[in-house]
């Protein structure tokens, strides 16, 4: 879907789309009423702000038809997000089913967690951890999980990658265009490739990255070679950890003999 389609849709059609992100009536109504959005980032910020006050009422509404982790999902979003469960070992799937039942006995609602980007083992570990929560603490965690899922679904709807970068050539004070990029896990599995545009910017990867450590490699040697500038670094790698589904910005300030980076926004 294009953001313009959401902005131009009737209230009824827009609400149907938004309800697929989270079935919480006041949140749906507020997001529909706030159109048009100038960017997906504006939509995400609005959705995040409105979800900040979610609690038991919103959980009960959203979970009325929500599938359990490991059960066959009837809606496309849940089925896609839980796709890793198709390869779950029997003992892991069984432990999750037992944990789901215990969770519902203890807290009176379905266990809710963002499944996208998590392995069956990670889902089981999160379920077991949260079973130890006090009810008030778990209510807050479940509400945060509901918001996490909603924001993930917004990014997925508009195919917004989780990771962006911006490379600035400090020697010339201009963006570094055409820098080749490789995003991979620390084990060397390539997640995505790309290159910076004329503004030195790039978006990489899927709408959500798996939890854990990743490496972003900048082919700075080739960039400087093309400009006829000697450099000490044939390439630059930036390692970082993914702990959730929030936007990750990894900028690079570059010169032939030094570079710096930081967690951007």
C-alpha atoms as a PDB file:
ATOM      1  CA  UNK A   1       0.000   0.000   0.000  1.00  0.00           C
ATOM      2  CA  UNK A   2       1.079   3.569  -0.685  1.00  0.00           C
ATOM      3  CA  UNK A   3       0.645   6.183   2.043  1.00  0.00           C
ATOM      4  CA  UNK A   4      -1.367   8.279  -0.398  1.00  0.00           C
ATOM      5  CA  UNK A   5      -3.911   5.471  -0.659  1.00  0.00           C
ATOM      6  CA  UNK A   6      -4.452   5.554   3.092  1.00  0.00           C
ATOM      7  CA  UNK A   7      -4.715   9.345   3.080  1.00  0.00           C
ATOM      8  CA  UNK A   8      -7.261   9.319   0.230  1.00  0.00           C
ATOM      9  CA  UNK A   9      -9.336   6.329   1.374  1.00  0.00           C
ATOM     10  CA  UNK A  10     -12.832   6.707   2.779  1.00  0.00           C
ATOM     11  CA  UNK A  11     -13.081   6.647   6.567  1.00  0.00           C
ATOM     12  CA  UNK A  12     -14.540   3.142   6.394  1.00  0.00           C
ATOM     13  CA  UNK A  13     -11.781   1.761   4.188  1.00  0.00           C
ATOM     14  CA  UNK A  14      -9.052   3.528   6.152  1.00  0.00           C
ATOM     15  CA  UNK A  15     -10.441   2.164   9.417  1.00  0.00           C
ATOM     16  CA  UNK A  16     -10.387  -1.370   8.000  1.00  0.00           C
ATOM     17  CA  UNK A  17      -6.691  -0.988   7.225  1.00  0.00           C
ATOM     18  CA  UNK A  18      -5.837   0.523  10.598  1.00  0.00           C
ATOM     19  CA  UNK A  19      -7.846  -2.116  12.455  1.00  0.00           C
ATOM     20  CA  UNK A  20      -5.572  -4.725  10.914  1.00  0.00           C
ATOM     21  CA  UNK A  21      -2.709  -3.139  12.840  1.00  0.00           C
ATOM     22  CA  UNK A  22      -4.536  -3.177  16.201  1.00  0.00           C
ATOM     23  CA  UNK A  23      -8.216  -3.764  16.891  1.00  0.00           C
ATOM     24  CA  UNK A  24      -8.603  -0.912  19.386  1.00  0.00           C
ATOM     25  CA  UNK A  25     -11.508   1.362  18.470  1.00  0.00           C
ATOM     26  CA  UNK A  26     -10.315   4.705  19.930  1.00  0.00           C
ATOM     27  CA  UNK A  27      -6.839   4.180  18.406  1.00  0.00           C
ATOM     28  CA  UNK A  28      -8.337   3.319  15.019  1.00  0.00           C
ATOM     29  CA  UNK A  29     -10.642   6.334  15.083  1.00  0.00           C
ATOM     30  CA  UNK A  30      -7.845   8.699  16.118  1.00  0.00           C
ATOM     31  CA  UNK A  31      -5.441   7.513  13.413  1.00  0.00           C
ATOM     32  CA  UNK A  32      -8.113   7.773  10.735  1.00  0.00           C
ATOM     33  CA  UNK A  33      -9.125  11.257  11.886  1.00  0.00           C
ATOM     34  CA  UNK A  34      -5.513  12.502  11.889  1.00  0.00           C
ATOM     35  CA  UNK A  35      -5.088  11.981   8.139  1.00  0.00           C
ATOM     36  CA  UNK A  36      -3.421  13.069   5.899  1.00  0.00           C
ATOM     37  CA  UNK A  37       0.041  12.000   7.013  1.00  0.00           C
ATOM     38  CA  UNK A  38       3.062  13.639   5.431  1.00  0.00           C
ATOM     39  CA  UNK A  39       5.176  10.509   5.870  1.00  0.00           C
ATOM     40  CA  UNK A  40       5.088   7.004   7.283  1.00  0.00           C
ATOM     41  CA  UNK A  41       7.324   8.299  10.080  1.00  0.00           C
ATOM     42  CA  UNK A  42       4.568  10.759  11.046  1.00  0.00           C
ATOM     43  CA  UNK A  43       2.035   7.919  11.066  1.00  0.00           C
ATOM     44  CA  UNK A  44       4.329   5.763  13.209  1.00  0.00           C
ATOM     45  CA  UNK A  45       4.927   8.584  15.674  1.00  0.00           C
ATOM     46  CA  UNK A  46       1.201   9.250  15.972  1.00  0.00           C
ATOM     47  CA  UNK A  47       0.429   5.562  16.440  1.00  0.00           C
ATOM     48  CA  UNK A  48       3.176   5.192  19.050  1.00  0.00           C
ATOM     49  CA  UNK A  49       1.998   8.235  21.004  1.00  0.00           C
ATOM     50  CA  UNK A  50      -1.628   7.076  21.065  1.00  0.00           C
ATOM     51  CA  UNK A  51      -0.634   3.554  22.114  1.00  0.00           C
ATOM     52  CA  UNK A  52       1.338   4.845  25.083  1.00  0.00           C
ATOM     53  CA  UNK A  53      -1.753   4.855  27.301  1.00  0.00           C
ATOM     54  CA  UNK A  54      -2.938   1.341  26.462  1.00  0.00           C
ATOM     55  CA  UNK A  55      -3.895  -0.969  29.293  1.00  0.00           C
ATOM     56  CA  UNK A  56      -6.331  -3.753  30.188  1.00  0.00           C
ATOM     57  CA  UNK A  57      -9.283  -2.446  28.145  1.00  0.00           C
ATOM     58  CA  UNK A  58      -7.247  -2.160  24.967  1.00  0.00           C
ATOM     59  CA  UNK A  59      -5.702  -5.585  25.511  1.00  0.00           C
ATOM     60  CA  UNK A  60      -9.095  -7.215  25.971  1.00  0.00           C
ATOM     61  CA  UNK A  61     -10.420  -5.581  22.800  1.00  0.00           C
ATOM     62  CA  UNK A  62      -7.423  -6.468  20.652  1.00  0.00           C
ATOM     63  CA  UNK A  63      -7.115 -10.025  21.954  1.00  0.00           C
ATOM     64  CA  UNK A  64     -10.743 -10.997  21.391  1.00  0.00           C
ATOM     65  CA  UNK A  65      -9.844 -12.802  18.163  1.00  0.00           C
ATOM     66  CA  UNK A  66      -6.052 -13.004  18.445  1.00  0.00           C
ATOM     67  CA  UNK A  67      -4.499 -16.450  17.832  1.00  0.00           C
ATOM     68  CA  UNK A  68      -2.281 -18.089  20.408  1.00  0.00           C
ATOM     69  CA  UNK A  69       1.419 -18.377  19.630  1.00  0.00           C
ATOM     70  CA  UNK A  70       1.820 -21.664  17.784  1.00  0.00           C
ATOM     71  CA  UNK A  71      -1.826 -22.022  16.771  1.00  0.00           C
ATOM     72  CA  UNK A  72      -2.939 -21.751  13.169  1.00  0.00           C
ATOM     73  CA  UNK A  73      -3.702 -18.099  12.447  1.00  0.00           C
ATOM     74  CA  UNK A  74      -6.755 -17.167  10.405  1.00  0.00           C
ATOM     75  CA  UNK A  75      -5.505 -13.694   9.391  1.00  0.00           C
ATOM     76  CA  UNK A  76      -2.595 -13.091   7.025  1.00  0.00           C
ATOM     77  CA  UNK A  77      -0.642 -10.783   9.347  1.00  0.00           C
ATOM     78  CA  UNK A  78      -0.553 -13.213  12.273  1.00  0.00           C
ATOM     79  CA  UNK A  79       0.255 -16.132   9.978  1.00  0.00           C
ATOM     80  CA  UNK A  80       3.189 -14.246   8.449  1.00  0.00           C
ATOM     81  CA  UNK A  81       4.476 -13.050  11.833  1.00  0.00           C
ATOM     82  CA  UNK A  82       4.346 -16.560  13.307  1.00  0.00           C
ATOM     83  CA  UNK A  83       5.903 -18.242  10.271  1.00  0.00           C
ATOM     84  CA  UNK A  84       8.949 -19.375  12.276  1.00  0.00           C
ATOM     85  CA  UNK A  85       6.670 -21.690  14.305  1.00  0.00           C
ATOM     86  CA  UNK A  86       6.266 -23.904  11.240  1.00  0.00           C
ATOM     87  CA  UNK A  87       9.789 -25.194  11.816  1.00  0.00           C
ATOM     88  CA  UNK A  88       9.569 -25.421  15.624  1.00  0.00           C
ATOM     89  CA  UNK A  89      10.856 -28.646  17.147  1.00  0.00           C
ATOM     90  CA  UNK A  90       8.121 -30.788  18.703  1.00  0.00           C
ATOM     91  CA  UNK A  91       9.405 -30.231  22.226  1.00  0.00           C
ATOM     92  CA  UNK A  92       9.511 -26.460  21.748  1.00  0.00           C
ATOM     93  CA  UNK A  93       6.024 -26.352  20.237  1.00  0.00           C
ATOM     94  CA  UNK A  94       4.741 -28.513  23.092  1.00  0.00           C
ATOM     95  CA  UNK A  95       6.369 -26.306  25.717  1.00  0.00           C
ATOM     96  CA  UNK A  96       4.819 -23.207  24.121  1.00  0.00           C
ATOM     97  CA  UNK A  97       1.372 -24.833  24.115  1.00  0.00           C
ATOM     98  CA  UNK A  98       1.753 -25.730  27.804  1.00  0.00           C
ATOM     99  CA  UNK A  99       3.032 -22.234  28.564  1.00  0.00           C
ATOM    100  CA  UNK A 100       0.089 -20.648  26.736  1.00  0.00           C
ATOM    101  CA  UNK A 101      -2.328 -22.612  28.901  1.00  0.00           C
ATOM    102  CA  UNK A 102      -0.494 -21.675  32.099  1.00  0.00           C
ATOM    103  CA  UNK A 103      -0.347 -18.013  31.036  1.00  0.00           C
ATOM    104  CA  UNK A 104      -4.101 -17.908  30.444  1.00  0.00           C
ATOM    105  CA  UNK A 105      -4.759 -19.508  33.845  1.00  0.00           C
ATOM    106  CA  UNK A 106      -2.489 -17.006  35.549  1.00  0.00           C
ATOM    107  CA  UNK A 107      -3.392 -13.788  33.730  1.00  0.00           C
ATOM    108  CA  UNK A 108      -6.776 -14.453  32.147  1.00  0.00           C
ATOM    109  CA  UNK A 109      -5.826 -13.504  28.595  1.00  0.00           C
ATOM    110  CA  UNK A 110      -3.898 -14.853  25.613  1.00  0.00           C
ATOM    111  CA  UNK A 111      -0.118 -14.463  25.724  1.00  0.00           C
ATOM    112  CA  UNK A 112       0.794 -11.621  23.370  1.00  0.00           C
ATOM    113  CA  UNK A 113       4.252 -11.018  21.925  1.00  0.00           C
ATOM    114  CA  UNK A 114       5.649  -9.772  18.638  1.00  0.00           C
ATOM    115  CA  UNK A 115       6.535 -13.023  16.874  1.00  0.00           C
ATOM    116  CA  UNK A 116       8.061 -11.426  13.761  1.00  0.00           C
ATOM    117  CA  UNK A 117      11.839 -11.688  13.821  1.00  0.00           C
ATOM    118  CA  UNK A 118      11.868 -14.212  16.692  1.00  0.00           C
ATOM    119  CA  UNK A 119      12.690 -17.901  16.588  1.00  0.00           C
ATOM    120  CA  UNK A 120      10.488 -20.485  18.352  1.00  0.00           C
ATOM    121  CA  UNK A 121      13.147 -20.791  21.058  1.00  0.00           C
ATOM    122  CA  UNK A 122      13.111 -17.023  21.629  1.00  0.00           C
ATOM    123  CA  UNK A 123       9.307 -17.034  21.831  1.00  0.00           C
ATOM    124  CA  UNK A 124       9.416 -19.820  24.413  1.00  0.00           C
ATOM    125  CA  UNK A 125      12.038 -18.003  26.471  1.00  0.00           C
ATOM    126  CA  UNK A 126       9.941 -14.812  26.460  1.00  0.00           C
ATOM    127  CA  UNK A 127       6.826 -16.741  27.473  1.00  0.00           C
ATOM    128  CA  UNK A 128       8.640 -18.436  30.356  1.00  0.00           C
ATOM    129  CA  UNK A 129      10.103 -15.124  31.527  1.00  0.00           C
ATOM    130  CA  UNK A 130       6.790 -13.343  31.530  1.00  0.00           C
ATOM    131  CA  UNK A 131       5.056 -16.136  33.391  1.00  0.00           C
ATOM    132  CA  UNK A 132       7.089 -14.959  36.381  1.00  0.00           C
ATOM    133  CA  UNK A 133       5.680 -11.422  36.253  1.00  0.00           C
ATOM    134  CA  UNK A 134       3.273  -9.974  38.773  1.00  0.00           C
ATOM    135  CA  UNK A 135      -0.136  -9.284  37.146  1.00  0.00           C
ATOM    136  CA  UNK A 136       0.312  -5.493  37.058  1.00  0.00           C
ATOM    137  CA  UNK A 137       3.777  -5.799  35.527  1.00  0.00           C
ATOM    138  CA  UNK A 138       2.547  -8.309  32.953  1.00  0.00           C
ATOM    139  CA  UNK A 139      -0.359  -6.082  31.970  1.00  0.00           C
ATOM    140  CA  UNK A 140       2.101  -3.298  31.166  1.00  0.00           C
ATOM    141  CA  UNK A 141       4.361  -5.676  29.214  1.00  0.00           C
ATOM    142  CA  UNK A 142       1.428  -7.086  27.258  1.00  0.00           C
ATOM    143  CA  UNK A 143       0.225  -3.578  26.365  1.00  0.00           C
ATOM    144  CA  UNK A 144       3.751  -2.698  25.200  1.00  0.00           C
ATOM    145  CA  UNK A 145       3.792  -5.892  23.115  1.00  0.00           C
ATOM    146  CA  UNK A 146       0.475  -4.916  21.520  1.00  0.00           C
ATOM    147  CA  UNK A 147       1.937  -1.529  20.558  1.00  0.00           C
ATOM    148  CA  UNK A 148       5.100  -3.235  19.271  1.00  0.00           C
ATOM    149  CA  UNK A 149       3.009  -5.468  17.002  1.00  0.00           C
ATOM    150  CA  UNK A 150       0.927  -2.520  15.752  1.00  0.00           C
ATOM    151  CA  UNK A 151       4.001  -0.467  14.817  1.00  0.00           C
ATOM    152  CA  UNK A 152       5.603  -3.471  13.139  1.00  0.00           C
ATOM    153  CA  UNK A 153       2.455  -3.960  11.059  1.00  0.00           C
ATOM    154  CA  UNK A 154       2.448  -0.313   9.989  1.00  0.00           C
ATOM    155  CA  UNK A 155       6.038  -0.653   8.752  1.00  0.00           C
ATOM    156  CA  UNK A 156       5.180  -3.921   6.996  1.00  0.00           C
ATOM    157  CA  UNK A 157       2.143  -2.355   5.292  1.00  0.00           C
ATOM    158  CA  UNK A 158       4.271   0.362   3.734  1.00  0.00           C
ATOM    159  CA  UNK A 159       7.391  -1.810   3.275  1.00  0.00           C
ATOM    160  CA  UNK A 160       9.503   0.451   5.492  1.00  0.00           C
ATOM    161  CA  UNK A 161      12.901  -1.102   6.358  1.00  0.00           C
ATOM    162  CA  UNK A 162      13.938  -0.951   9.976  1.00  0.00           C
ATOM    163  CA  UNK A 163      17.490   0.230   9.240  1.00  0.00           C
ATOM    164  CA  UNK A 164      18.671   3.451   7.622  1.00  0.00           C
ATOM    165  CA  UNK A 165      22.060   5.073   7.224  1.00  0.00           C
ATOM    166  CA  UNK A 166      23.543   8.395   6.112  1.00  0.00           C
ATOM    167  CA  UNK A 167      27.178   8.743   5.039  1.00  0.00           C
ATOM    168  CA  UNK A 168      28.811  12.165   5.049  1.00  0.00           C
ATOM    169  CA  UNK A 169      32.222  12.778   3.461  1.00  0.00           C
ATOM    170  CA  UNK A 170      33.883  15.051   6.029  1.00  0.00           C
ATOM    171  CA  UNK A 171      36.773  15.949   3.701  1.00  0.00           C
ATOM    172  CA  UNK A 172      34.464  17.655   1.240  1.00  0.00           C
ATOM    173  CA  UNK A 173      31.485  18.348   3.460  1.00  0.00           C
ATOM    174  CA  UNK A 174      29.060  16.658   1.079  1.00  0.00           C
ATOM    175  CA  UNK A 175      27.062  13.416   1.228  1.00  0.00           C
ATOM    176  CA  UNK A 176      28.952  10.311   0.125  1.00  0.00           C
ATOM    177  CA  UNK A 177      26.955   8.950  -2.807  1.00  0.00           C
ATOM    178  CA  UNK A 178      27.367   5.458  -4.224  1.00  0.00           C
ATOM    179  CA  UNK A 179      28.890   3.805  -1.150  1.00  0.00           C
ATOM    180  CA  UNK A 180      28.079   0.102  -1.424  1.00  0.00           C
ATOM    181  CA  UNK A 181      26.540  -1.459   1.693  1.00  0.00           C
ATOM    182  CA  UNK A 182      26.186  -4.978   3.040  1.00  0.00           C
ATOM    183  CA  UNK A 183      24.027  -5.789   6.073  1.00  0.00           C
ATOM    184  CA  UNK A 184      24.660  -9.188   7.630  1.00  0.00           C
ATOM    185  CA  UNK A 185      24.446 -11.150  10.839  1.00  0.00           C
ATOM    186  CA  UNK A 186      27.626 -11.628  12.854  1.00  0.00           C
ATOM    187  CA  UNK A 187      27.726 -15.174  11.473  1.00  0.00           C
ATOM    188  CA  UNK A 188      28.105 -13.751   7.974  1.00  0.00           C
ATOM    189  CA  UNK A 189      24.595 -14.387   6.661  1.00  0.00           C
ATOM    190  CA  UNK A 190      23.757 -11.508   4.312  1.00  0.00           C
ATOM    191  CA  UNK A 191      20.458  -9.827   5.198  1.00  0.00           C
ATOM    192  CA  UNK A 192      20.450  -7.035   2.596  1.00  0.00           C
ATOM    193  CA  UNK A 193      22.658  -5.064   0.214  1.00  0.00           C
ATOM    194  CA  UNK A 194      22.385  -1.581  -1.220  1.00  0.00           C
ATOM    195  CA  UNK A 195      24.157   1.711  -1.848  1.00  0.00           C
ATOM    196  CA  UNK A 196      23.815   5.300  -0.693  1.00  0.00           C
ATOM    197  CA  UNK A 197      21.858   7.663  -2.928  1.00  0.00           C
ATOM    198  CA  UNK A 198      22.860  11.158  -4.064  1.00  0.00           C
ATOM    199  CA  UNK A 199      22.080  12.444  -0.575  1.00  0.00           C
ATOM    200  CA  UNK A 200      24.294   9.780   1.014  1.00  0.00           C
ATOM    201  CA  UNK A 201      21.283   7.927   2.425  1.00  0.00           C
ATOM    202  CA  UNK A 202      20.057   4.357   2.198  1.00  0.00           C
ATOM    203  CA  UNK A 203      17.425   2.073   3.703  1.00  0.00           C
ATOM    204  CA  UNK A 204      18.298  -1.579   4.182  1.00  0.00           C
ATOM    205  CA  UNK A 205      16.729  -4.834   5.202  1.00  0.00           C
ATOM    206  CA  UNK A 206      13.218  -6.015   5.967  1.00  0.00           C
ATOM    207  CA  UNK A 207      10.669  -4.133   8.045  1.00  0.00           C
ATOM    208  CA  UNK A 208      11.972  -5.954  11.123  1.00  0.00           C
ATOM    209  CA  UNK A 209      15.389  -7.450  11.806  1.00  0.00           C
ATOM    210  CA  UNK A 210      15.926 -10.510  13.941  1.00  0.00           C
ATOM    211  CA  UNK A 211      17.096  -9.864  17.468  1.00  0.00           C
ATOM    212  CA  UNK A 212      20.823 -10.121  18.063  1.00  0.00           C
ATOM    213  CA  UNK A 213      24.027  -8.678  16.676  1.00  0.00           C
ATOM    214  CA  UNK A 214      24.372  -7.397  13.110  1.00  0.00           C
ATOM    215  CA  UNK A 215      27.126  -5.847  11.015  1.00  0.00           C
ATOM    216  CA  UNK A 216      26.793  -3.035   8.481  1.00  0.00           C
ATOM    217  CA  UNK A 217      29.743  -2.898   6.070  1.00  0.00           C
ATOM    218  CA  UNK A 218      30.519   0.297   4.153  1.00  0.00           C
ATOM    219  CA  UNK A 219      32.733  -0.127   1.061  1.00  0.00           C
ATOM    220  CA  UNK A 220      34.632   3.087   1.722  1.00  0.00           C
ATOM    221  CA  UNK A 221      37.825   2.014  -0.073  1.00  0.00           C
ATOM    222  CA  UNK A 222      36.042   1.741  -3.403  1.00  0.00           C
ATOM    223  CA  UNK A 223      34.329   5.096  -2.777  1.00  0.00           C
ATOM    224  CA  UNK A 224      37.621   6.921  -2.227  1.00  0.00           C
ATOM    225  CA  UNK A 225      39.364   5.028  -5.053  1.00  0.00           C
ATOM    226  CA  UNK A 226      36.704   6.249  -7.478  1.00  0.00           C
ATOM    227  CA  UNK A 227      37.469   9.812  -6.354  1.00  0.00           C
ATOM    228  CA  UNK A 228      41.243   9.284  -6.652  1.00  0.00           C
ATOM    229  CA  UNK A 229      41.755   9.804  -2.918  1.00  0.00           C
ATOM    230  CA  UNK A 230      44.118   7.529  -0.926  1.00  0.00           C
ATOM    231  CA  UNK A 231      42.547   6.009   2.183  1.00  0.00           C
ATOM    232  CA  UNK A 232      43.707   3.963   5.157  1.00  0.00           C
ATOM    233  CA  UNK A 233      40.486   1.965   5.475  1.00  0.00           C
ATOM    234  CA  UNK A 234      39.558  -0.446   2.637  1.00  0.00           C
ATOM    235  CA  UNK A 235      36.138  -0.751   4.251  1.00  0.00           C
ATOM    236  CA  UNK A 236      34.362   0.180   7.490  1.00  0.00           C
ATOM    237  CA  UNK A 237      32.208  -2.165   9.551  1.00  0.00           C
ATOM    238  CA  UNK A 238      29.801  -1.082  12.270  1.00  0.00           C
ATOM    239  CA  UNK A 239      28.481  -3.773  14.599  1.00  0.00           C
ATOM    240  CA  UNK A 240      25.263  -3.152  16.519  1.00  0.00           C
ATOM    241  CA  UNK A 241      22.627  -5.061  18.465  1.00  0.00           C
ATOM    242  CA  UNK A 242      18.944  -5.338  17.576  1.00  0.00           C
ATOM    243  CA  UNK A 243      16.757  -5.606  20.663  1.00  0.00           C
ATOM    244  CA  UNK A 244      13.326  -4.692  19.297  1.00  0.00           C
ATOM    245  CA  UNK A 245      11.464  -3.347  16.292  1.00  0.00           C
ATOM    246  CA  UNK A 246      12.223   0.351  16.691  1.00  0.00           C
ATOM    247  CA  UNK A 247      13.807   2.291  13.845  1.00  0.00           C
ATOM    248  CA  UNK A 248      17.598   1.980  13.700  1.00  0.00           C
ATOM    249  CA  UNK A 249      19.724   4.734  12.150  1.00  0.00           C
ATOM    250  CA  UNK A 250      23.448   4.053  11.750  1.00  0.00           C
ATOM    251  CA  UNK A 251      25.174   7.116  10.267  1.00  0.00           C
ATOM    252  CA  UNK A 252      28.846   7.326   9.252  1.00  0.00           C
ATOM    253  CA  UNK A 253      31.038  10.444   9.279  1.00  0.00           C
ATOM    254  CA  UNK A 254      33.853   9.590   6.918  1.00  0.00           C
ATOM    255  CA  UNK A 255      37.325  10.829   5.995  1.00  0.00           C
ATOM    256  CA  UNK A 256      40.230   9.015   4.281  1.00  0.00           C
ATOM    257  CA  UNK A 257      42.017   8.257   7.552  1.00  0.00           C
ATOM    258  CA  UNK A 258      39.309   8.276  10.208  1.00  0.00           C
ATOM    259  CA  UNK A 259      35.601   7.712  10.713  1.00  0.00           C
ATOM    260  CA  UNK A 260      32.988   7.957  13.451  1.00  0.00           C
ATOM    261  CA  UNK A 261      29.512   6.594  13.999  1.00  0.00           C
ATOM    262  CA  UNK A 262      26.735   6.711  16.580  1.00  0.00           C
ATOM    263  CA  UNK A 263      23.168   5.608  17.234  1.00  0.00           C
ATOM    264  CA  UNK A 264      21.123   8.090  15.240  1.00  0.00           C
ATOM    265  CA  UNK A 265      17.419   8.860  15.184  1.00  0.00           C
END
